[in-house]
C-alpha atoms as a PDB file:
ATOM      1  CA  UNK A   1      -2.100  -9.421  50.041  1.00  0.00           C
ATOM      2  CA  UNK A   2      -2.075  -5.729  49.077  1.00  0.00           C
ATOM      3  CA  UNK A   3       0.529  -6.417  46.398  1.00  0.00           C
ATOM      4  CA  UNK A   4      -1.648  -9.128  44.858  1.00  0.00           C
ATOM      5  CA  UNK A   5      -4.675  -6.836  44.841  1.00  0.00           C
ATOM      6  CA  UNK A   6      -2.582  -4.109  43.208  1.00  0.00           C
ATOM      7  CA  UNK A   7      -1.432  -6.473  40.421  1.00  0.00           C
ATOM      8  CA  UNK A   8      -4.986  -7.651  39.788  1.00  0.00           C
ATOM      9  CA  UNK A   9      -6.247  -4.070  39.783  1.00  0.00           C
ATOM     10  CA  UNK A  10      -3.614  -3.051  37.189  1.00  0.00           C
ATOM     11  CA  UNK A  11      -4.966  -5.730  34.866  1.00  0.00           C
ATOM     12  CA  UNK A  12      -8.595  -4.826  35.566  1.00  0.00           C
ATOM     13  CA  UNK A  13      -7.855  -1.222  34.567  1.00  0.00           C
ATOM     14  CA  UNK A  14      -6.628  -2.393  31.142  1.00  0.00           C
ATOM     15  CA  UNK A  15      -9.667  -4.657  30.673  1.00  0.00           C
ATOM     16  CA  UNK A  16     -11.927  -1.699  31.524  1.00  0.00           C
ATOM     17  CA  UNK A  17     -10.083   0.426  28.934  1.00  0.00           C
ATOM     18  CA  UNK A  18     -10.593  -2.263  26.306  1.00  0.00           C
ATOM     19  CA  UNK A  19     -14.300  -2.691  27.036  1.00  0.00           C
ATOM     20  CA  UNK A  20     -14.939   1.034  26.710  1.00  0.00           C
ATOM     21  CA  UNK A  21     -12.732   1.605  23.659  1.00  0.00           C
ATOM     22  CA  UNK A  22     -14.743   0.986  20.501  1.00  0.00           C
ATOM     23  CA  UNK A  23     -11.683   1.749  18.340  1.00  0.00           C
ATOM     24  CA  UNK A  24      -9.725  -1.060  20.036  1.00  0.00           C
ATOM     25  CA  UNK A  25     -12.611  -3.501  19.571  1.00  0.00           C
ATOM     26  CA  UNK A  26     -12.815  -2.478  15.911  1.00  0.00           C
ATOM     27  CA  UNK A  27      -9.105  -3.223  15.419  1.00  0.00           C
ATOM     28  CA  UNK A  28      -9.489  -6.663  17.058  1.00  0.00           C
ATOM     29  CA  UNK A  29     -12.391  -7.356  14.707  1.00  0.00           C
ATOM     30  CA  UNK A  30     -10.202  -6.264  11.784  1.00  0.00           C
ATOM     31  CA  UNK A  31      -7.457  -8.657  12.944  1.00  0.00           C
ATOM     32  CA  UNK A  32     -10.078 -11.431  13.063  1.00  0.00           C
ATOM     33  CA  UNK A  33     -11.147 -10.531   9.506  1.00  0.00           C
ATOM     34  CA  UNK A  34      -7.567 -10.524   8.182  1.00  0.00           C
ATOM     35  CA  UNK A  35      -6.858 -13.934   9.746  1.00  0.00           C
ATOM     36  CA  UNK A  36     -10.148 -15.323   8.397  1.00  0.00           C
ATOM     37  CA  UNK A  37      -9.382 -14.025   4.889  1.00  0.00           C
ATOM     38  CA  UNK A  38      -5.885 -15.551   5.055  1.00  0.00           C
ATOM     39  CA  UNK A  39      -7.300 -18.975   5.927  1.00  0.00           C
ATOM     40  CA  UNK A  40     -10.000 -18.751   3.239  1.00  0.00           C
ATOM     41  CA  UNK A  41      -7.491 -17.866   0.488  1.00  0.00           C
ATOM     42  CA  UNK A  42      -5.269 -20.800   1.423  1.00  0.00           C
ATOM     43  CA  UNK A  43      -2.570 -18.739   3.098  1.00  0.00           C
ATOM     44  CA  UNK A  44      -0.814 -19.387   6.360  1.00  0.00           C
ATOM     45  CA  UNK A  45      -0.143 -17.392   9.482  1.00  0.00           C
ATOM     46  CA  UNK A  46       3.558 -16.645   9.986  1.00  0.00           C
ATOM     47  CA  UNK A  47       4.285 -15.681  13.589  1.00  0.00           C
ATOM     48  CA  UNK A  48       7.381 -14.095  15.076  1.00  0.00           C
ATOM     49  CA  UNK A  49       8.387 -12.735  18.466  1.00  0.00           C
ATOM     50  CA  UNK A  50      11.190 -12.815  21.035  1.00  0.00           C
ATOM     51  CA  UNK A  51      11.240 -14.266  24.540  1.00  0.00           C
ATOM     52  CA  UNK A  52       7.748 -14.415  26.029  1.00  0.00           C
ATOM     53  CA  UNK A  53       6.311 -13.229  22.712  1.00  0.00           C
ATOM     54  CA  UNK A  54       8.022 -16.201  21.013  1.00  0.00           C
ATOM     55  CA  UNK A  55       6.277 -18.493  23.490  1.00  0.00           C
ATOM     56  CA  UNK A  56       3.004 -16.701  22.711  1.00  0.00           C
ATOM     57  CA  UNK A  57       3.610 -17.330  18.995  1.00  0.00           C
ATOM     58  CA  UNK A  58       3.981 -21.047  19.698  1.00  0.00           C
ATOM     59  CA  UNK A  59       0.814 -21.020  21.783  1.00  0.00           C
ATOM     60  CA  UNK A  60      -1.156 -19.218  19.048  1.00  0.00           C
ATOM     61  CA  UNK A  61       0.140 -21.540  16.321  1.00  0.00           C
ATOM     62  CA  UNK A  62      -0.802 -24.535  18.458  1.00  0.00           C
ATOM     63  CA  UNK A  63      -4.382 -23.300  18.799  1.00  0.00           C
ATOM     64  CA  UNK A  64      -4.711 -22.748  15.039  1.00  0.00           C
ATOM     65  CA  UNK A  65      -3.099 -25.996  13.906  1.00  0.00           C
ATOM     66  CA  UNK A  66      -4.753 -27.997  16.681  1.00  0.00           C
ATOM     67  CA  UNK A  67      -8.033 -26.764  18.092  1.00  0.00           C
ATOM     68  CA  UNK A  68      -9.340 -24.566  20.850  1.00  0.00           C
ATOM     69  CA  UNK A  69     -12.969 -25.473  21.592  1.00  0.00           C
ATOM     70  CA  UNK A  70     -14.201 -27.808  18.869  1.00  0.00           C
ATOM     71  CA  UNK A  71     -13.028 -30.350  16.342  1.00  0.00           C
ATOM     72  CA  UNK A  72     -12.358 -28.816  12.914  1.00  0.00           C
ATOM     73  CA  UNK A  73      -9.861 -28.741  10.060  1.00  0.00           C
ATOM     74  CA  UNK A  74      -6.326 -27.668  10.909  1.00  0.00           C
ATOM     75  CA  UNK A  75      -5.423 -24.111   9.927  1.00  0.00           C
ATOM     76  CA  UNK A  76      -1.883 -23.405   8.677  1.00  0.00           C
ATOM     77  CA  UNK A  77       0.163 -21.450  11.203  1.00  0.00           C
ATOM     78  CA  UNK A  78       3.946 -21.458  11.366  1.00  0.00           C
ATOM     79  CA  UNK A  79       5.965 -19.946  14.174  1.00  0.00           C
ATOM     80  CA  UNK A  80       9.318 -18.629  13.004  1.00  0.00           C
ATOM     81  CA  UNK A  81      10.797 -18.754  16.493  1.00  0.00           C
ATOM     82  CA  UNK A  82      10.724 -22.433  17.411  1.00  0.00           C
ATOM     83  CA  UNK A  83      13.250 -24.225  15.213  1.00  0.00           C
ATOM     84  CA  UNK A  84      16.414 -23.947  17.322  1.00  0.00           C
ATOM     85  CA  UNK A  85      18.727 -25.309  14.621  1.00  0.00           C
ATOM     86  CA  UNK A  86      17.456 -22.841  12.009  1.00  0.00           C
ATOM     87  CA  UNK A  87      17.477 -19.894  14.414  1.00  0.00           C
ATOM     88  CA  UNK A  88      20.985 -20.541  15.703  1.00  0.00           C
ATOM     89  CA  UNK A  89      22.258 -21.114  12.155  1.00  0.00           C
ATOM     90  CA  UNK A  90      20.767 -17.835  10.986  1.00  0.00           C
ATOM     91  CA  UNK A  91      21.879 -15.973  14.100  1.00  0.00           C
ATOM     92  CA  UNK A  92      25.407 -17.242  13.636  1.00  0.00           C
ATOM     93  CA  UNK A  93      25.675 -16.846   9.863  1.00  0.00           C
ATOM     94  CA  UNK A  94      23.551 -13.713   9.282  1.00  0.00           C
ATOM     95  CA  UNK A  95      23.164 -11.990  12.703  1.00  0.00           C
ATOM     96  CA  UNK A  96      20.231 -12.172  15.066  1.00  0.00           C
ATOM     97  CA  UNK A  97      18.461  -9.336  13.230  1.00  0.00           C
ATOM     98  CA  UNK A  98      17.935 -11.677  10.258  1.00  0.00           C
ATOM     99  CA  UNK A  99      16.598 -14.823  11.966  1.00  0.00           C
ATOM    100  CA  UNK A 100      13.024 -14.128  10.813  1.00  0.00           C
ATOM    101  CA  UNK A 101      13.984 -12.471   7.522  1.00  0.00           C
ATOM    102  CA  UNK A 102      15.499 -15.615   6.041  1.00  0.00           C
ATOM    103  CA  UNK A 103      12.585 -17.776   7.169  1.00  0.00           C
ATOM    104  CA  UNK A 104      10.071 -15.398   5.583  1.00  0.00           C
ATOM    105  CA  UNK A 105      12.116 -15.516   2.375  1.00  0.00           C
ATOM    106  CA  UNK A 106      12.017 -19.335   2.526  1.00  0.00           C
ATOM    107  CA  UNK A 107       8.416 -19.934   3.598  1.00  0.00           C
ATOM    108  CA  UNK A 108       6.410 -16.789   2.877  1.00  0.00           C
ATOM    109  CA  UNK A 109       4.006 -16.177   0.006  1.00  0.00           C
ATOM    110  CA  UNK A 110       1.604 -13.405  -0.986  1.00  0.00           C
ATOM    111  CA  UNK A 111      -1.313 -15.408   0.437  1.00  0.00           C
ATOM    112  CA  UNK A 112       0.155 -15.306   3.946  1.00  0.00           C
ATOM    113  CA  UNK A 113      -0.229 -12.983   6.928  1.00  0.00           C
ATOM    114  CA  UNK A 114       2.718 -12.086   9.156  1.00  0.00           C
ATOM    115  CA  UNK A 115       1.746 -11.679  12.809  1.00  0.00           C
ATOM    116  CA  UNK A 116       4.567  -9.818  14.552  1.00  0.00           C
ATOM    117  CA  UNK A 117       4.516  -9.702  18.367  1.00  0.00           C
ATOM    118  CA  UNK A 118       6.674  -7.325  20.388  1.00  0.00           C
ATOM    119  CA  UNK A 119       5.852  -5.799  23.757  1.00  0.00           C
ATOM    120  CA  UNK A 120       8.149  -2.830  23.014  1.00  0.00           C
ATOM    121  CA  UNK A 121       7.432  -2.410  19.304  1.00  0.00           C
ATOM    122  CA  UNK A 122      11.134  -1.825  18.708  1.00  0.00           C
ATOM    123  CA  UNK A 123      12.726  -5.273  18.293  1.00  0.00           C
ATOM    124  CA  UNK A 124      15.129  -5.008  15.357  1.00  0.00           C
ATOM    125  CA  UNK A 125      14.604  -8.567  14.122  1.00  0.00           C
ATOM    126  CA  UNK A 126      10.822  -8.040  14.163  1.00  0.00           C
ATOM    127  CA  UNK A 127      11.178  -4.780  12.213  1.00  0.00           C
ATOM    128  CA  UNK A 128      13.382  -6.571   9.663  1.00  0.00           C
ATOM    129  CA  UNK A 129      10.756  -9.344   9.436  1.00  0.00           C
ATOM    130  CA  UNK A 130       8.021  -6.794   8.695  1.00  0.00           C
ATOM    131  CA  UNK A 131      10.141  -5.118   6.006  1.00  0.00           C
ATOM    132  CA  UNK A 132      10.944  -8.498   4.433  1.00  0.00           C
ATOM    133  CA  UNK A 133       7.293  -9.530   4.422  1.00  0.00           C
ATOM    134  CA  UNK A 134       6.295  -6.276   2.745  1.00  0.00           C
ATOM    135  CA  UNK A 135       8.967  -6.816   0.068  1.00  0.00           C
ATOM    136  CA  UNK A 136       7.286 -10.172  -0.649  1.00  0.00           C
ATOM    137  CA  UNK A 137       3.788  -8.580  -0.683  1.00  0.00           C
ATOM    138  CA  UNK A 138       2.834 -10.370   2.531  1.00  0.00           C
ATOM    139  CA  UNK A 139       0.321  -8.509   4.662  1.00  0.00           C
ATOM    140  CA  UNK A 140       1.707  -7.562   8.091  1.00  0.00           C
ATOM    141  CA  UNK A 141      -0.145  -7.172  11.383  1.00  0.00           C
ATOM    142  CA  UNK A 142       1.762  -6.116  14.493  1.00  0.00           C
ATOM    143  CA  UNK A 143       0.649  -6.552  18.081  1.00  0.00           C
ATOM    144  CA  UNK A 144       2.456  -4.352  20.594  1.00  0.00           C
ATOM    145  CA  UNK A 145       2.063  -1.848  23.430  1.00  0.00           C
ATOM    146  CA  UNK A 146       0.037   1.359  23.284  1.00  0.00           C
ATOM    147  CA  UNK A 147       2.957   3.359  21.841  1.00  0.00           C
ATOM    148  CA  UNK A 148       3.685   1.012  18.936  1.00  0.00           C
ATOM    149  CA  UNK A 149       7.374   1.814  18.535  1.00  0.00           C
ATOM    150  CA  UNK A 150       9.097   1.408  15.162  1.00  0.00           C
ATOM    151  CA  UNK A 151       6.650  -1.350  14.239  1.00  0.00           C
ATOM    152  CA  UNK A 152       3.828   1.199  14.041  1.00  0.00           C
ATOM    153  CA  UNK A 153       5.590   2.921  11.152  1.00  0.00           C
ATOM    154  CA  UNK A 154       6.429  -0.305   9.304  1.00  0.00           C
ATOM    155  CA  UNK A 155       3.422  -2.591   9.649  1.00  0.00           C
ATOM    156  CA  UNK A 156       0.358  -2.564   7.394  1.00  0.00           C
ATOM    157  CA  UNK A 157      -1.867  -2.912  10.461  1.00  0.00           C
ATOM    158  CA  UNK A 158      -1.272  -2.683  14.182  1.00  0.00           C
ATOM    159  CA  UNK A 159      -3.091  -3.672  17.347  1.00  0.00           C
ATOM    160  CA  UNK A 160      -1.875  -1.501  20.213  1.00  0.00           C
ATOM    161  CA  UNK A 161      -2.611  -3.046  23.603  1.00  0.00           C
ATOM    162  CA  UNK A 162      -3.450  -0.141  25.975  1.00  0.00           C
ATOM    163  CA  UNK A 163      -0.579  -0.717  28.394  1.00  0.00           C
ATOM    164  CA  UNK A 164       3.174  -0.246  28.548  1.00  0.00           C
ATOM    165  CA  UNK A 165       3.586  -3.173  30.962  1.00  0.00           C
ATOM    166  CA  UNK A 166       5.048  -6.055  28.907  1.00  0.00           C
ATOM    167  CA  UNK A 167       3.325  -8.709  31.039  1.00  0.00           C
ATOM    168  CA  UNK A 168      -0.083  -7.152  30.536  1.00  0.00           C
ATOM    169  CA  UNK A 169       0.552  -6.695  26.803  1.00  0.00           C
ATOM    170  CA  UNK A 170       1.316 -10.429  26.532  1.00  0.00           C
ATOM    171  CA  UNK A 171      -1.713 -11.432  28.627  1.00  0.00           C
ATOM    172  CA  UNK A 172      -4.105  -9.303  26.549  1.00  0.00           C
ATOM    173  CA  UNK A 173      -2.497 -10.575  23.341  1.00  0.00           C
ATOM    174  CA  UNK A 174      -3.260 -14.167  24.315  1.00  0.00           C
ATOM    175  CA  UNK A 175      -6.819 -13.247  25.308  1.00  0.00           C
ATOM    176  CA  UNK A 176      -7.348 -11.577  21.915  1.00  0.00           C
ATOM    177  CA  UNK A 177      -6.048 -14.616  20.004  1.00  0.00           C
ATOM    178  CA  UNK A 178      -8.129 -17.044  22.072  1.00  0.00           C
ATOM    179  CA  UNK A 179     -11.231 -14.979  21.285  1.00  0.00           C
ATOM    180  CA  UNK A 180     -10.345 -14.790  17.575  1.00  0.00           C
ATOM    181  CA  UNK A 181      -9.669 -18.530  17.370  1.00  0.00           C
ATOM    182  CA  UNK A 182     -12.960 -19.313  19.104  1.00  0.00           C
ATOM    183  CA  UNK A 183     -14.849 -16.963  16.774  1.00  0.00           C
ATOM    184  CA  UNK A 184     -13.230 -18.639  13.757  1.00  0.00           C
ATOM    185  CA  UNK A 185     -14.154 -22.091  15.065  1.00  0.00           C
ATOM    186  CA  UNK A 186     -17.796 -21.025  15.167  1.00  0.00           C
ATOM    187  CA  UNK A 187     -17.704 -19.522  11.675  1.00  0.00           C
ATOM    188  CA  UNK A 188     -19.538 -22.011   9.469  1.00  0.00           C
ATOM    189  CA  UNK A 189     -17.836 -20.717   6.285  1.00  0.00           C
ATOM    190  CA  UNK A 190     -14.335 -21.829   7.237  1.00  0.00           C
END
């Protein structure tokens, strides 16, 4: 029982940090604005991540293409980590570091927004994806831990979750995207 309370308390500490950190809230609002602008200009969300972050990308894309709380038009969101045939082809033929690069080259346009998820901020294939997106004039937004890693230097914008615990970073990331999706669904202009 004490272990469970400790795990819950660790998460509560991060939530308390978020609620009292106006700068963090401002960055989340900026992420909301960038996603909203992407949808309004006819662009799509391109999402990439590894492992649990890849699963989070699929979850986020599902909410945007489907719906979260109310019936509405579908919003274009494409996860670059779910097509097994494409990923294994690219991993085999070009190395794992290029699995997102080639997909961004194939599917990305200047109207789009790359959402790059990494709990460490140092995943090589994510860093390559950010560099590729920038070469194509695609806006990049990274979501990572409080340190930011290499992604902090590469990305146009970054949301640093105030934790170094990968599980908590992923949990807060999903909370942020659920809130953003719900806010967008209640925006009458979209």
